[in-house]
């Protein structure tokens, strides 16, 4: 926490609204954010801890992250910083509150790498674009605007696949969920779907209602497992008799989840998985010609 009576020296102007400062009394470094806080400022200038322009402040306690932040700033295109500020403001305006601190490091780094890849003709492929659009609709809308901004500024064409990855960063910042965890969960759900298709000998069209319902059910299941939530299942004792095939498959899916998440999947959740599988397979059975 910055003491409002202390003096802060600007070590680096990151953008019009972001500066890296050092507390002259304690020697600790902070990132300060606020509208116009860096206007007409330069390295070596001082700011009072009581400056009314300071809207948000944070300290990167992890030394490795702070070193990474400094290295990032050394090579950062100022336009990347400017665009990142605009995108972060869009996120704040849309969700009504400032996003998490880590986006101030993660987003510029990501954008810089995206521009590098596109300028060097490297393809960006997102195998989970459809799922991202469905799960994170608001985040994807922001990401599309961000993609247009990047395209116009750097003279590149940011594809929809990249907008999907940007949506992950938006969701991560708003809900304080690491991007890596979002990718991990998406990979897991994709693997679960492939397992269901193989075991059930079916192919689920990716834009069908069946697919939307299935991945929504799977996503909700994964979320409940991670959060440690359990919902009573009054039909649990009857499933072994009435839908043994689906129950066996549900147990296989639970084993897969446990292997990926390192968390136990309750019998209640396995029961709900079995019911969802039965509903899915019945739909395919009705659609098959007899």
Protein backbone atom coordinates (compact mmCIF):
# COMPACT_ATOMS: atom_id res chain seq x y z
CA UNK A 1 0.00 0.00 0.00
CA UNK A 2 1.31 3.45 -0.92
CA UNK A 3 1.38 5.94 1.97
CA UNK A 4 -0.27 9.14 0.76
CA UNK A 5 2.30 11.26 2.60
CA UNK A 6 5.24 9.70 0.78
CA UNK A 7 6.96 10.81 -2.40
CA UNK A 8 6.96 8.61 -5.50
CA UNK A 9 9.54 8.94 -8.25
CA UNK A 10 8.51 8.08 -11.81
CA UNK A 11 10.84 5.37 -13.08
CA UNK A 12 9.01 4.82 -16.34
CA UNK A 13 6.02 6.27 -18.16
CA UNK A 14 4.13 3.25 -19.46
CA UNK A 15 1.26 5.18 -21.02
CA UNK A 16 -0.81 8.29 -20.50
CA UNK A 17 -2.66 6.58 -17.68
CA UNK A 18 -0.02 4.22 -16.25
CA UNK A 19 3.36 4.86 -14.61
CA UNK A 20 5.93 2.72 -12.86
CA UNK A 21 7.11 4.50 -9.70
CA UNK A 22 9.45 3.94 -6.78
CA UNK A 23 8.66 4.95 -3.24
CA UNK A 24 11.68 7.06 -2.24
CA UNK A 25 11.26 6.23 1.44
CA UNK A 26 10.89 2.43 1.19
CA UNK A 27 12.50 1.77 -2.19
CA UNK A 28 9.52 -0.37 -3.24
CA UNK A 29 8.16 -0.22 -6.78
CA UNK A 30 4.50 0.28 -7.66
CA UNK A 31 2.38 0.64 -10.76
CA UNK A 32 0.02 3.61 -10.56
CA UNK A 33 -3.03 4.05 -12.77
CA UNK A 34 -5.28 7.03 -13.27
CA UNK A 35 -6.62 9.18 -16.06
CA UNK A 36 -3.86 11.50 -17.29
CA UNK A 37 -1.51 10.56 -14.45
CA UNK A 38 1.48 10.55 -16.82
CA UNK A 39 0.48 13.66 -18.75
CA UNK A 40 3.57 15.86 -19.23
CA UNK A 41 5.45 13.59 -16.83
CA UNK A 42 8.81 11.95 -17.45
CA UNK A 43 11.25 9.62 -15.75
CA UNK A 44 12.74 11.26 -12.66
CA UNK A 45 9.72 13.42 -11.90
CA UNK A 46 7.97 12.91 -8.57
CA UNK A 47 4.32 12.34 -7.66
CA UNK A 48 2.76 12.72 -4.25
CA UNK A 49 1.03 9.69 -2.80
CA UNK A 50 -2.00 11.94 -2.31
CA UNK A 51 -2.24 12.91 -6.01
CA UNK A 52 -5.94 12.83 -6.89
CA UNK A 53 -5.22 11.35 -10.30
CA UNK A 54 -4.24 8.04 -8.69
CA UNK A 55 -7.22 5.74 -9.17
CA UNK A 56 -5.53 2.39 -8.69
CA UNK A 57 -2.18 1.15 -7.49
CA UNK A 58 -0.61 -2.25 -7.23
CA UNK A 59 2.71 -3.79 -6.41
CA UNK A 60 4.14 -6.86 -8.09
CA UNK A 61 5.47 -8.72 -5.06
CA UNK A 62 6.94 -11.60 -7.03
CA UNK A 63 10.47 -10.53 -7.97
CA UNK A 64 10.52 -12.70 -11.09
CA UNK A 65 7.31 -11.07 -12.32
CA UNK A 66 8.74 -7.60 -11.66
CA UNK A 67 11.86 -8.46 -13.65
CA UNK A 68 9.63 -9.78 -16.44
CA UNK A 69 7.65 -6.54 -16.34
CA UNK A 70 10.82 -4.46 -16.74
CA UNK A 71 12.06 -6.63 -19.62
CA UNK A 72 8.68 -6.35 -21.30
CA UNK A 73 8.75 -2.56 -21.09
CA UNK A 74 12.24 -2.41 -22.59
CA UNK A 75 11.04 -3.79 -25.93
CA UNK A 76 7.42 -2.64 -25.83
CA UNK A 77 6.04 -0.63 -28.74
CA UNK A 78 4.40 2.49 -27.23
CA UNK A 79 1.41 1.92 -29.51
CA UNK A 80 0.87 -1.48 -27.90
CA UNK A 81 0.69 0.23 -24.50
CA UNK A 82 -1.74 2.83 -25.84
CA UNK A 83 -4.03 0.21 -27.36
CA UNK A 84 -3.86 -1.92 -24.23
CA UNK A 85 -5.05 1.06 -22.20
CA UNK A 86 -8.01 1.53 -24.54
CA UNK A 87 -8.96 -2.14 -24.34
CA UNK A 88 -8.68 -2.17 -20.55
CA UNK A 89 -10.91 0.90 -20.45
CA UNK A 90 -13.46 -0.92 -22.64
CA UNK A 91 -13.41 -3.81 -20.17
CA UNK A 92 -13.92 -1.44 -17.23
CA UNK A 93 -16.78 0.39 -18.96
CA UNK A 94 -18.52 -2.84 -19.98
CA UNK A 95 -18.29 -4.65 -16.64
CA UNK A 96 -18.54 -1.58 -14.42
CA UNK A 97 -15.31 -2.11 -12.50
CA UNK A 98 -11.55 -2.19 -13.20
CA UNK A 99 -10.15 -5.58 -14.26
CA UNK A 100 -7.51 -7.50 -12.31
CA UNK A 101 -3.97 -6.16 -12.06
CA UNK A 102 -2.27 -8.87 -14.10
CA UNK A 103 -3.90 -7.75 -17.34
CA UNK A 104 -1.60 -4.70 -17.34
CA UNK A 105 1.27 -7.11 -17.94
CA UNK A 106 -0.46 -9.96 -19.77
CA UNK A 107 -2.41 -7.98 -22.38
CA UNK A 108 0.43 -5.82 -23.80
CA UNK A 109 2.68 -8.87 -23.90
CA UNK A 110 0.03 -10.85 -25.77
CA UNK A 111 -0.72 -8.06 -28.25
CA UNK A 112 2.98 -7.51 -28.98
CA UNK A 113 3.40 -11.20 -29.79
CA UNK A 114 0.24 -11.28 -31.92
CA UNK A 115 1.47 -8.37 -34.05
CA UNK A 116 4.85 -10.08 -34.44
CA UNK A 117 3.23 -13.33 -35.58
CA UNK A 118 0.92 -11.65 -38.08
CA UNK A 119 3.68 -9.49 -39.55
CA UNK A 120 5.77 -12.61 -40.07
CA UNK A 121 3.00 -14.56 -41.77
CA UNK A 122 2.44 -17.00 -38.92
CA UNK A 123 -1.01 -18.57 -38.74
CA UNK A 124 -3.16 -18.21 -35.64
CA UNK A 125 -5.52 -21.14 -35.21
CA UNK A 126 -8.02 -21.42 -32.38
CA UNK A 127 -9.64 -24.88 -32.24
CA UNK A 128 -12.12 -23.68 -29.61
CA UNK A 129 -13.42 -20.53 -31.26
CA UNK A 130 -17.03 -21.72 -31.41
CA UNK A 131 -17.02 -22.67 -27.73
CA UNK A 132 -15.42 -19.35 -26.79
CA UNK A 133 -18.09 -17.38 -28.63
CA UNK A 134 -20.78 -19.31 -26.82
CA UNK A 135 -19.32 -19.30 -23.29
CA UNK A 136 -17.91 -15.77 -23.26
CA UNK A 137 -20.26 -13.71 -25.43
CA UNK A 138 -19.63 -10.33 -23.78
CA UNK A 139 -15.89 -10.95 -23.58
CA UNK A 140 -15.82 -11.95 -27.25
CA UNK A 141 -17.63 -8.75 -28.27
CA UNK A 142 -14.93 -6.73 -26.50
CA UNK A 143 -12.25 -8.91 -28.08
CA UNK A 144 -13.64 -8.28 -31.57
CA UNK A 145 -13.43 -4.52 -31.00
CA UNK A 146 -9.90 -4.99 -29.66
CA UNK A 147 -8.98 -7.03 -32.75
CA UNK A 148 -10.26 -4.24 -35.03
CA UNK A 149 -8.23 -1.70 -33.05
CA UNK A 150 -5.06 -3.78 -33.40
CA UNK A 151 -5.71 -4.31 -37.12
CA UNK A 152 -6.21 -0.60 -37.81
CA UNK A 153 -3.22 0.51 -35.75
CA UNK A 154 -0.61 -1.93 -37.02
CA UNK A 155 -1.87 -2.58 -40.55
CA UNK A 156 -2.43 -6.28 -39.96
CA UNK A 157 -5.54 -8.43 -40.23
CA UNK A 158 -6.37 -9.95 -36.85
CA UNK A 159 -8.45 -13.11 -37.49
CA UNK A 160 -11.48 -14.23 -35.51
CA UNK A 161 -9.35 -17.04 -34.07
CA UNK A 162 -7.18 -14.45 -32.32
CA UNK A 163 -10.26 -12.59 -31.09
CA UNK A 164 -11.12 -15.84 -29.33
CA UNK A 165 -7.77 -15.82 -27.52
CA UNK A 166 -8.22 -12.15 -26.62
CA UNK A 167 -11.61 -13.06 -25.12
CA UNK A 168 -9.77 -15.42 -22.75
CA UNK A 169 -7.66 -12.51 -21.52
CA UNK A 170 -10.76 -10.38 -20.98
CA UNK A 171 -12.52 -13.14 -19.02
CA UNK A 172 -9.36 -13.84 -17.05
CA UNK A 173 -9.02 -10.20 -16.00
CA UNK A 174 -12.68 -9.77 -15.04
CA UNK A 175 -13.13 -13.04 -13.14
CA UNK A 176 -9.58 -13.46 -11.82
CA UNK A 177 -9.15 -16.82 -13.52
CA UNK A 178 -5.71 -17.56 -15.06
CA UNK A 179 -5.74 -17.80 -18.85
CA UNK A 180 -3.89 -21.10 -18.55
CA UNK A 181 -6.73 -22.53 -16.48
CA UNK A 182 -9.30 -21.48 -19.09
CA UNK A 183 -7.28 -23.21 -21.79
CA UNK A 184 -6.90 -26.28 -19.59
CA UNK A 185 -10.65 -26.52 -18.98
CA UNK A 186 -11.43 -26.03 -22.68
CA UNK A 187 -8.97 -28.77 -23.65
CA UNK A 188 -10.52 -31.07 -21.06
CA UNK A 189 -14.06 -30.49 -22.34
CA UNK A 190 -12.91 -31.13 -25.91
CA UNK A 191 -11.34 -34.42 -24.78
CA UNK A 192 -14.55 -35.37 -22.96
CA UNK A 193 -16.59 -34.74 -26.12
CA UNK A 194 -14.21 -36.86 -28.20
CA UNK A 195 -14.50 -39.65 -25.63
CA UNK A 196 -18.31 -39.48 -25.78
CA UNK A 197 -18.33 -39.57 -29.58
CA UNK A 198 -15.97 -42.55 -29.67
CA UNK A 199 -17.74 -44.56 -26.96
CA UNK A 200 -21.21 -43.73 -28.26
CA UNK A 201 -20.23 -44.21 -31.91
CA UNK A 202 -21.75 -40.86 -32.86
CA UNK A 203 -20.57 -37.62 -34.48
CA UNK A 204 -22.03 -34.46 -32.97
CA UNK A 205 -22.25 -31.50 -35.40
CA UNK A 206 -20.39 -28.62 -33.78
CA UNK A 207 -23.11 -26.02 -34.37
CA UNK A 208 -26.03 -28.23 -33.40
CA UNK A 209 -28.27 -27.80 -30.38
CA UNK A 210 -27.03 -31.17 -29.11
CA UNK A 211 -23.45 -29.91 -29.06
CA UNK A 212 -24.37 -26.63 -27.38
CA UNK A 213 -26.31 -28.48 -24.69
CA UNK A 214 -23.56 -31.06 -24.18
CA UNK A 215 -20.63 -28.70 -23.76
CA UNK A 216 -22.73 -26.44 -21.53
CA UNK A 217 -23.50 -29.42 -19.29
CA UNK A 218 -19.85 -30.48 -19.27
CA UNK A 219 -18.65 -26.95 -18.52
CA UNK A 220 -21.08 -26.67 -15.60
CA UNK A 221 -19.91 -30.05 -14.30
CA UNK A 222 -16.24 -29.03 -14.45
CA UNK A 223 -17.02 -25.74 -12.69
CA UNK A 224 -18.88 -27.52 -9.88
CA UNK A 225 -16.07 -30.04 -9.43
CA UNK A 226 -13.44 -27.28 -9.23
CA UNK A 227 -15.58 -25.24 -6.82
CA UNK A 228 -16.29 -28.30 -4.67
CA UNK A 229 -20.05 -27.98 -5.07
CA UNK A 230 -22.36 -31.00 -4.93
CA UNK A 231 -26.03 -31.17 -5.89
CA UNK A 232 -28.16 -34.02 -4.54
CA UNK A 233 -29.24 -36.52 -7.19
CA UNK A 234 -32.49 -38.29 -6.17
CA UNK A 235 -32.26 -40.70 -9.14
CA UNK A 236 -28.80 -42.00 -8.27
CA UNK A 237 -29.89 -45.42 -6.99
CA UNK A 238 -31.97 -46.16 -10.09
CA UNK A 239 -29.33 -45.44 -12.71
CA UNK A 240 -27.51 -48.77 -12.41
CA UNK A 241 -30.71 -50.59 -13.35
CA UNK A 242 -32.12 -48.28 -16.01
CA UNK A 243 -29.10 -46.79 -17.84
CA UNK A 244 -26.06 -48.98 -17.04
CA UNK A 245 -24.28 -48.20 -20.33
CA UNK A 246 -24.45 -44.45 -19.80
CA UNK A 247 -23.44 -44.82 -16.15
CA UNK A 248 -20.34 -46.78 -17.16
CA UNK A 249 -19.43 -44.09 -19.68
CA UNK A 250 -20.04 -41.38 -17.08
CA UNK A 251 -17.58 -43.10 -14.75
CA UNK A 252 -15.00 -43.09 -17.54
CA UNK A 253 -15.56 -39.35 -18.03
CA UNK A 254 -15.20 -38.81 -14.28
CA UNK A 255 -11.86 -40.66 -14.33
CA UNK A 256 -10.71 -38.37 -17.13
CA UNK A 257 -11.75 -35.27 -15.18
CA UNK A 258 -10.00 -36.47 -12.06
CA UNK A 259 -6.81 -37.12 -14.03
CA UNK A 260 -6.86 -33.58 -15.48
CA UNK A 261 -8.09 -31.67 -12.44
CA UNK A 262 -6.65 -33.71 -9.59
CA UNK A 263 -10.04 -33.50 -7.88
CA UNK A 264 -12.65 -36.06 -6.95
CA UNK A 265 -15.87 -36.22 -8.99
CA UNK A 266 -18.80 -37.07 -6.73
CA UNK A 267 -21.25 -39.91 -7.39
CA UNK A 268 -23.97 -37.29 -7.74
CA UNK A 269 -22.12 -35.58 -10.58
CA UNK A 270 -21.44 -38.92 -12.25
CA UNK A 271 -25.16 -39.63 -12.06
CA UNK A 272 -26.03 -36.35 -13.74
CA UNK A 273 -23.44 -37.05 -16.44
CA UNK A 274 -25.11 -40.41 -17.08
CA UNK A 275 -28.54 -38.79 -17.39
CA UNK A 276 -27.20 -36.18 -19.82
CA UNK A 277 -25.56 -38.92 -21.90
CA UNK A 278 -28.81 -40.90 -22.01
CA UNK A 279 -30.68 -37.82 -23.22
CA UNK A 280 -28.02 -37.19 -25.88
CA UNK A 281 -28.02 -40.77 -27.17
CA UNK A 282 -31.82 -40.89 -27.24
CA UNK A 283 -31.83 -37.84 -29.49
CA UNK A 284 -29.48 -39.56 -31.93
CA UNK A 285 -31.53 -42.76 -31.77
CA UNK A 286 -34.68 -40.88 -32.75
CA UNK A 287 -32.90 -39.24 -35.68
CA UNK A 288 -31.57 -42.51 -37.11
CA UNK A 289 -33.56 -44.05 -39.99
CA UNK A 290 -35.33 -47.29 -39.04
